[in-house]
Amino acid sequence: MLGLDLHTGFERMNIIMTHLRNTHFGHKGTGPEIIWQVRPQVFCQALTDPALSTPETGSDICDGLALFHDAADPLMRWSQIWRAPGEAGLRLTIYRFEGSFVSVAARIPDSLASKLRPGHQISVSFTARASRPLALDLRLNLEIAGRSETLAAHRILTDCAHSASFDLRHFEITGDTQVKAWCDLILRNPGMAEVDFHDLSITMHAG
């Protein structure tokens, strides 16, 4: 399963919460209460190394975000791009890709995953621009007391905002349960394309 491979890759990823500049806790508005919200560093803060060509699978983009693929010779590049001060994004430029998927995977820090409870919802939202329509699978991966669970939504990327919410009401999670969680945005058979991601956020809402 891809989710298990992603978890293996994340074993070496050091999540530094101070780098998640736009993390919020306990916000109450007109909708459901936001318990926490995370945006990876590439979307809000300049990276020390803002680009990489022919990345190996499992290579880090920034703290909490990694790129996975199954191509032997990945003729592609990722780079940080800017629309305005404080409004950064991630561009994937795929020149020729002979594998079956490219995945951008965002880990939810363990300190936040430990707050997950039945009845909570995880929402993932982002804006995307694609040079041509591309199929994308948006997945929430959970490892609950050593058992793997996956919730998925399917989207077609063009040039618009996307979001998906995942309901946790059917999972048995208590304060003593060991939980790990991550989301991945999986491009299926991308071939040759350019994709920009902006405003990626992962939010936990009260039920």
Protein backbone atom coordinates (compact mmCIF):
# COMPACT_ATOMS: atom_id res chain seq x y z
CA MET A 1 0.00 0.00 0.00
CA LEU A 2 1.22 3.49 -0.82
CA GLY A 3 0.21 4.76 2.61
CA LEU A 4 2.59 2.38 4.34
CA ASP A 5 5.43 3.45 2.04
CA LEU A 6 4.71 7.08 2.87
CA HIS A 7 4.85 6.33 6.57
CA THR A 8 8.23 4.67 6.13
CA GLY A 9 9.50 7.75 4.32
CA PHE A 10 8.21 10.03 7.08
CA GLU A 11 10.21 8.23 9.77
CA ARG A 12 13.12 10.54 8.98
CA MET A 13 11.14 13.78 8.67
CA ASN A 14 11.67 16.24 11.53
CA ILE A 15 8.51 18.30 12.06
CA ILE A 16 9.37 21.67 13.60
CA MET A 17 6.16 23.36 14.73
CA THR A 18 7.66 26.84 14.70
CA HIS A 19 8.10 26.44 10.94
CA LEU A 20 4.35 25.93 10.49
CA ARG A 21 3.78 29.66 10.76
CA ASN A 22 0.05 29.55 10.13
CA THR A 23 -0.90 26.92 12.69
CA HIS A 24 -4.02 27.91 14.66
CA PHE A 25 -5.69 26.42 17.70
CA GLY A 26 -9.18 26.73 19.15
CA HIS A 27 -10.60 29.23 16.65
CA LYS A 28 -14.35 29.71 16.80
CA GLY A 29 -16.26 31.29 13.93
CA THR A 30 -19.61 30.89 12.26
CA GLY A 31 -18.89 27.27 11.31
CA PRO A 32 -17.62 24.29 13.30
CA GLU A 33 -14.92 25.03 15.86
CA ILE A 34 -11.41 24.78 14.46
CA ILE A 35 -9.25 22.80 16.87
CA TRP A 36 -6.06 23.12 14.84
CA GLN A 37 -4.92 24.06 11.36
CA VAL A 38 -1.60 23.38 9.63
CA ARG A 39 -0.01 24.84 6.49
CA PRO A 40 3.33 23.40 5.36
CA GLN A 41 6.23 25.83 5.23
CA VAL A 42 6.47 25.94 1.43
CA PHE A 43 3.11 27.77 1.28
CA CYS A 44 3.93 30.58 3.70
CA GLN A 45 7.69 30.95 4.26
CA ALA A 46 10.74 31.15 2.00
CA LEU A 47 12.66 27.87 1.77
CA THR A 48 16.43 27.67 2.10
CA ASP A 49 16.48 25.29 -0.88
CA PRO A 50 13.51 26.41 -3.03
CA ALA A 51 13.84 23.92 -5.93
CA LEU A 52 15.00 20.43 -6.83
CA SER A 53 15.31 18.64 -10.18
CA THR A 54 14.97 14.87 -10.70
CA PRO A 55 14.00 14.33 -7.05
CA GLU A 56 14.31 10.87 -5.55
CA THR A 57 11.15 9.37 -4.16
CA GLY A 58 10.71 10.28 -0.50
CA SER A 59 12.74 13.48 -0.82
CA ASP A 60 11.77 16.36 1.45
CA ILE A 61 10.28 19.56 0.07
CA CYS A 62 10.21 21.19 3.51
CA ASP A 63 9.48 20.22 7.10
CA GLY A 64 6.37 18.04 6.99
CA LEU A 65 6.08 17.80 3.21
CA ALA A 66 7.67 15.22 0.89
CA LEU A 67 7.48 14.06 -2.71
CA PHE A 68 6.94 10.42 -3.68
CA HIS A 69 6.80 8.74 -7.09
CA ASP A 70 7.44 5.42 -8.81
CA ALA A 71 9.54 6.53 -11.81
CA ALA A 72 13.01 5.12 -12.32
CA ASP A 73 14.13 8.31 -14.11
CA PRO A 74 11.90 11.17 -12.90
CA LEU A 75 12.32 13.97 -15.44
CA MET A 76 10.59 16.53 -13.25
CA ARG A 77 11.27 19.46 -10.95
CA TRP A 78 9.57 21.02 -7.97
CA SER A 79 10.02 24.67 -7.06
CA GLN A 80 8.64 27.23 -4.65
CA ILE A 81 6.82 30.08 -6.41
CA TRP A 82 5.40 33.39 -5.14
CA ARG A 83 2.21 35.25 -6.06
CA ALA A 84 2.69 38.02 -3.47
CA PRO A 85 4.54 38.50 -0.16
CA GLY A 86 3.40 35.74 2.18
CA GLU A 87 1.57 33.89 -0.62
CA ALA A 88 3.83 31.10 -1.80
CA GLY A 89 3.05 27.93 -3.68
CA LEU A 90 4.51 24.69 -4.96
CA ARG A 91 5.04 24.10 -8.67
CA LEU A 92 5.56 20.64 -10.15
CA THR A 93 7.00 20.73 -13.64
CA ILE A 94 6.84 17.26 -15.16
CA TYR A 95 8.74 17.01 -18.43
CA ARG A 96 8.30 13.30 -19.10
CA PHE A 97 7.09 10.85 -16.52
CA GLU A 98 6.98 7.11 -17.12
CA GLY A 99 5.70 6.10 -13.69
CA SER A 100 2.08 5.78 -12.54
CA PHE A 101 1.89 8.42 -9.79
CA VAL A 102 3.42 11.52 -8.22
CA SER A 103 2.40 12.24 -4.63
CA VAL A 104 2.82 15.33 -2.46
CA ALA A 105 2.46 14.07 1.10
CA ALA A 106 1.87 16.26 4.15
CA ARG A 107 2.38 14.81 7.60
CA ILE A 108 0.18 15.85 10.51
CA PRO A 109 2.54 16.26 13.49
CA ASP A 110 2.06 13.56 16.14
CA SER A 111 1.23 16.20 18.77
CA LEU A 112 -1.81 17.19 16.69
CA ALA A 113 -2.76 13.69 15.50
CA SER A 114 -3.00 12.68 19.16
CA LYS A 115 -5.95 15.09 19.51
CA LEU A 116 -8.07 13.21 16.95
CA ARG A 117 -11.32 11.82 18.33
CA PRO A 118 -14.47 10.18 16.91
CA GLY A 119 -16.81 12.88 15.66
CA HIS A 120 -14.01 15.19 14.56
CA GLN A 121 -13.56 16.08 10.91
CA ILE A 122 -10.36 16.61 8.97
CA SER A 123 -10.66 19.06 6.09
CA VAL A 124 -8.05 19.47 3.36
CA SER A 125 -8.24 22.50 1.09
CA PHE A 126 -6.00 23.91 -1.63
CA THR A 127 -6.02 25.85 -4.87
CA ALA A 128 -4.56 24.25 -7.99
CA ARG A 129 -3.70 25.31 -11.51
CA ALA A 130 -2.91 22.58 -14.01
CA SER A 131 -1.70 22.96 -17.59
CA ARG A 132 -4.26 20.32 -18.57
CA PRO A 133 -6.94 18.37 -16.66
CA LEU A 134 -5.33 15.81 -14.36
CA ALA A 135 -6.84 13.15 -12.10
CA LEU A 136 -5.95 13.60 -8.44
CA ASP A 137 -6.66 11.36 -5.45
CA LEU A 138 -6.79 13.19 -2.13
CA ARG A 139 -6.21 10.76 0.73
CA LEU A 140 -6.23 10.95 4.49
CA ASN A 141 -4.10 8.13 5.89
CA LEU A 142 -4.44 7.06 9.51
CA GLU A 143 -2.44 4.60 11.53
CA ILE A 144 -4.53 3.83 14.62
CA ALA A 145 -2.91 1.54 17.18
CA GLY A 146 -0.88 -0.03 14.36
CA ARG A 147 -3.88 -0.51 12.05
CA SER A 148 -3.89 1.38 8.73
CA GLU A 149 -6.99 3.18 7.47
CA THR A 150 -7.43 5.34 4.36
CA LEU A 151 -10.19 7.79 3.41
CA ALA A 152 -10.13 9.14 -0.13
CA ALA A 153 -11.71 11.72 -2.44
CA HIS A 154 -11.23 12.12 -6.19
CA ARG A 155 -10.77 15.44 -8.00
CA ILE A 156 -9.98 16.65 -11.52
CA LEU A 157 -7.42 19.45 -11.43
CA THR A 158 -7.91 22.42 -13.72
CA ASP A 159 -7.71 25.95 -12.29
CA CYS A 160 -9.83 26.27 -9.16
CA ALA A 161 -10.10 25.71 -5.42
CA HIS A 162 -10.62 22.21 -4.03
CA SER A 163 -11.56 20.84 -0.63
CA ALA A 164 -12.60 17.58 0.99
CA SER A 165 -13.75 16.67 4.50
CA PHE A 166 -13.21 13.33 6.19
CA ASP A 167 -15.44 12.23 9.06
CA LEU A 168 -13.77 10.29 11.87
CA ARG A 169 -16.93 9.24 13.71
CA HIS A 170 -16.53 5.52 12.89
CA PHE A 171 -13.00 5.18 14.28
CA GLU A 172 -12.24 4.00 17.79
CA ILE A 173 -9.80 6.60 19.10
CA THR A 174 -9.26 7.57 22.74
CA GLY A 175 -6.68 9.65 24.53
CA ASP A 176 -4.53 6.53 24.98
CA THR A 177 -4.63 5.47 21.31
CA GLN A 178 -1.42 5.84 19.31
CA VAL A 179 -2.34 7.75 16.14
CA LYS A 180 -0.29 8.85 13.16
CA ALA A 181 -1.84 10.75 10.26
CA TRP A 182 -0.83 12.24 6.92
CA CYS A 183 -2.50 13.46 3.74
CA ASP A 184 -1.32 12.91 0.21
CA LEU A 185 -2.27 14.54 -3.07
CA ILE A 186 -1.67 11.89 -5.71
CA LEU A 187 -1.45 12.72 -9.41
CA ARG A 188 -2.28 9.63 -11.47
CA ASN A 189 -0.31 9.06 -14.70
CA PRO A 190 0.72 12.72 -14.99
CA GLY A 191 2.78 12.23 -18.17
CA MET A 192 3.86 15.75 -19.16
CA ALA A 193 2.26 18.60 -17.21
CA GLU A 194 2.79 21.58 -14.93
CA VAL A 195 0.80 21.92 -11.71
CA ASP A 196 0.78 24.76 -9.17
CA PHE A 197 -0.54 24.20 -5.66
CA HIS A 198 -1.41 27.15 -3.39
CA ASP A 199 -3.03 27.62 0.01
CA LEU A 200 -2.79 24.01 1.14
CA SER A 201 -4.18 23.67 4.67
CA ILE A 202 -5.20 20.74 6.85
CA THR A 203 -7.79 21.56 9.50
CA MET A 204 -9.37 19.60 12.32
CA HIS A 205 -12.93 20.64 13.21
CA ALA A 206 -15.05 19.67 16.18
CA GLY A 207 -18.03 17.49 15.31
